[in-house]
């Protein structure tokens, strides 16, 4: 699988799932729409997006490692590292099968993303949104389909 990210519907840029992605050149007080999409053998997924307005000067910096995860169809978990100088929060777009613990922290830390077994023949896609101040980062999760 490969990943791409975009700002405000602009050009897609390659992103590596095992590393961080840092958006640069953003201006304080401006609203941005950040998007991430996945390419599988079936083609590109629909982009998952989040909008945020950067505030303060300078804009808060948030580093997330890795930037996405592709778990198997079985139950599984992944540790995600966060670098921030203040409080951050992680929220799931699909809490019925995609959970996060702990859901918040202060400063550098980590949280665990867990998925329940995927009983369907379709890949499940969800987003963990990591919020730090007015900055939000979409952590993409694409869980494999069940083999029938």
Protein backbone atom coordinates (compact mmCIF):
# COMPACT_ATOMS: atom_id res chain seq x y z
CA UNK A 1 0.00 0.00 0.00
CA UNK A 2 1.05 3.57 -0.54
CA UNK A 3 -0.18 6.82 0.96
CA UNK A 4 -0.55 10.41 -0.17
CA UNK A 5 -1.40 13.60 1.70
CA UNK A 6 -2.86 16.89 0.48
CA UNK A 7 -3.49 20.39 1.84
CA UNK A 8 -6.61 22.33 0.77
CA UNK A 9 -7.33 20.02 -2.17
CA UNK A 10 -3.93 20.76 -3.71
CA UNK A 11 -1.44 18.39 -5.23
CA UNK A 12 -1.10 14.97 -3.60
CA UNK A 13 2.32 14.24 -2.08
CA UNK A 14 3.70 10.80 -1.29
CA UNK A 15 3.86 9.87 2.40
CA UNK A 16 5.48 6.82 3.98
CA UNK A 17 3.34 4.89 6.45
CA UNK A 18 6.31 4.09 8.68
CA UNK A 19 7.37 7.70 9.19
CA UNK A 20 5.99 11.09 10.12
CA UNK A 21 4.53 13.63 7.77
CA UNK A 22 5.05 17.27 8.61
CA UNK A 23 3.03 19.91 6.82
CA UNK A 24 5.21 23.00 6.27
CA UNK A 25 4.58 26.52 5.05
CA UNK A 26 1.28 26.86 6.93
CA UNK A 27 0.21 30.30 8.20
CA UNK A 28 -1.21 31.09 11.64
CA UNK A 29 -4.89 32.07 11.61
CA UNK A 30 -5.55 30.22 8.34
CA UNK A 31 -7.99 27.30 8.00
CA UNK A 32 -6.58 24.25 6.22
CA UNK A 33 -8.15 21.00 5.06
CA UNK A 34 -5.69 18.11 5.43
CA UNK A 35 -6.36 14.84 3.63
CA UNK A 36 -4.83 11.38 3.46
CA UNK A 37 -5.62 8.56 1.01
CA UNK A 38 -4.44 4.98 0.50
CA UNK A 39 -3.61 3.12 -2.69
CA UNK A 40 -4.28 -0.62 -2.70
CA UNK A 41 -4.53 -3.11 -5.53
CA UNK A 42 -8.14 -1.91 -5.94
CA UNK A 43 -7.03 1.72 -6.52
CA UNK A 44 -7.13 4.89 -4.41
CA UNK A 45 -9.40 5.10 -1.38
CA UNK A 46 -11.67 8.07 -0.82
CA UNK A 47 -9.66 10.72 1.04
CA UNK A 48 -10.21 11.09 4.78
CA UNK A 49 -10.07 14.78 5.67
CA UNK A 50 -9.96 17.05 8.68
CA UNK A 51 -10.09 20.86 8.80
CA UNK A 52 -8.23 23.00 11.28
CA UNK A 53 -7.47 26.68 11.82
CA UNK A 54 -3.95 27.36 12.99
CA UNK A 55 -3.80 29.84 15.85
CA UNK A 56 -1.12 31.59 17.82
CA UNK A 57 2.35 32.46 16.68
CA UNK A 58 4.18 30.30 15.95
CA UNK A 59 1.76 27.53 14.97
CA UNK A 60 1.87 24.54 17.32
CA UNK A 61 3.96 21.65 16.09
CA UNK A 62 2.63 18.11 16.18
CA UNK A 63 4.60 15.04 15.11
CA UNK A 64 2.89 11.64 14.82
CA UNK A 65 4.72 8.36 14.11
CA UNK A 66 3.70 6.31 12.19
CA UNK A 67 1.20 8.31 10.10
CA UNK A 68 -1.05 5.34 9.24
CA UNK A 69 -1.61 1.63 9.90
CA UNK A 70 -2.84 -1.38 7.90
CA UNK A 71 -3.90 -4.07 10.40
CA UNK A 72 -4.95 -7.58 9.38
CA UNK A 73 -8.61 -8.66 9.46
CA UNK A 74 -8.05 -10.14 12.94
CA UNK A 75 -8.05 -8.12 16.16
CA UNK A 76 -4.78 -6.21 16.47
CA UNK A 77 -3.16 -3.11 18.00
CA UNK A 78 -0.51 -0.51 17.13
CA UNK A 79 1.40 1.95 19.31
CA UNK A 80 1.47 5.53 18.00
CA UNK A 81 4.09 8.06 19.17
CA UNK A 82 3.13 11.73 19.65
CA UNK A 83 5.54 14.66 19.97
CA UNK A 84 3.93 17.83 21.33
CA UNK A 85 4.73 20.45 23.95
CA UNK A 86 1.24 20.57 25.44
CA UNK A 87 -1.98 18.61 25.77
CA UNK A 88 -3.16 16.42 22.88
CA UNK A 89 -6.24 14.26 22.32
CA UNK A 90 -6.92 11.26 20.06
CA UNK A 91 -10.46 10.55 18.79
CA UNK A 92 -11.74 7.63 16.68
CA UNK A 93 -14.04 8.10 13.69
CA UNK A 94 -15.47 4.57 14.25
CA UNK A 95 -15.37 3.73 17.98
CA UNK A 96 -17.42 0.54 17.45
CA UNK A 97 -14.38 -1.21 15.88
CA UNK A 98 -11.50 1.30 16.13
CA UNK A 99 -10.44 2.41 19.62
CA UNK A 100 -7.67 4.45 21.21
CA UNK A 101 -6.17 4.33 24.71
CA UNK A 102 -5.31 6.55 26.41
CA UNK A 103 -7.37 9.13 24.57
CA UNK A 104 -5.25 12.08 25.71
CA UNK A 105 -1.89 13.07 27.07
CA UNK A 106 0.47 15.95 27.75
CA UNK A 107 3.78 16.40 25.96
CA UNK A 108 5.60 13.59 24.26
CA UNK A 109 3.89 10.26 24.70
CA UNK A 110 2.06 7.44 23.00
CA UNK A 111 -1.30 5.80 22.67
CA UNK A 112 -2.50 2.41 21.45
CA UNK A 113 -4.87 2.02 18.52
CA UNK A 114 -6.90 -1.24 18.58
CA UNK A 115 -9.19 -2.85 16.03
CA UNK A 116 -11.76 -5.60 16.48
CA UNK A 117 -11.93 -8.43 13.93
CA UNK A 118 -13.28 -7.35 10.54
CA UNK A 119 -16.07 -9.84 9.68
CA UNK A 120 -16.75 -8.32 6.24
CA UNK A 121 -15.26 -8.93 2.81
CA UNK A 122 -14.48 -5.21 2.54
CA UNK A 123 -11.50 -3.19 3.78
CA UNK A 124 -12.56 -0.99 6.70
CA UNK A 125 -11.21 2.56 6.76
CA UNK A 126 -11.20 4.82 9.78
CA UNK A 127 -9.36 7.85 11.12
CA UNK A 128 -7.88 8.62 14.51
CA UNK A 129 -7.78 12.43 14.75
CA UNK A 130 -4.94 13.66 16.94
CA UNK A 131 -5.66 17.20 18.16
CA UNK A 132 -3.04 19.53 19.62
CA UNK A 133 -4.26 23.09 20.19
CA UNK A 134 -5.96 24.00 16.92
CA UNK A 135 -3.82 21.55 14.93
CA UNK A 136 -5.37 18.23 13.92
CA UNK A 137 -3.66 15.25 12.28
CA UNK A 138 -5.57 12.39 10.57
CA UNK A 139 -4.04 8.97 11.39
CA UNK A 140 -5.44 6.59 8.73
CA UNK A 141 -6.39 2.98 9.58
CA UNK A 142 -7.20 0.56 6.73
CA UNK A 143 -8.10 -2.84 8.15
CA UNK A 144 -7.89 -5.81 5.77
CA UNK A 145 -11.02 -7.64 4.68
CA UNK A 146 -11.90 -11.04 6.11
CA UNK A 147 -10.98 -14.03 3.97
CA UNK A 148 -14.06 -16.16 3.36
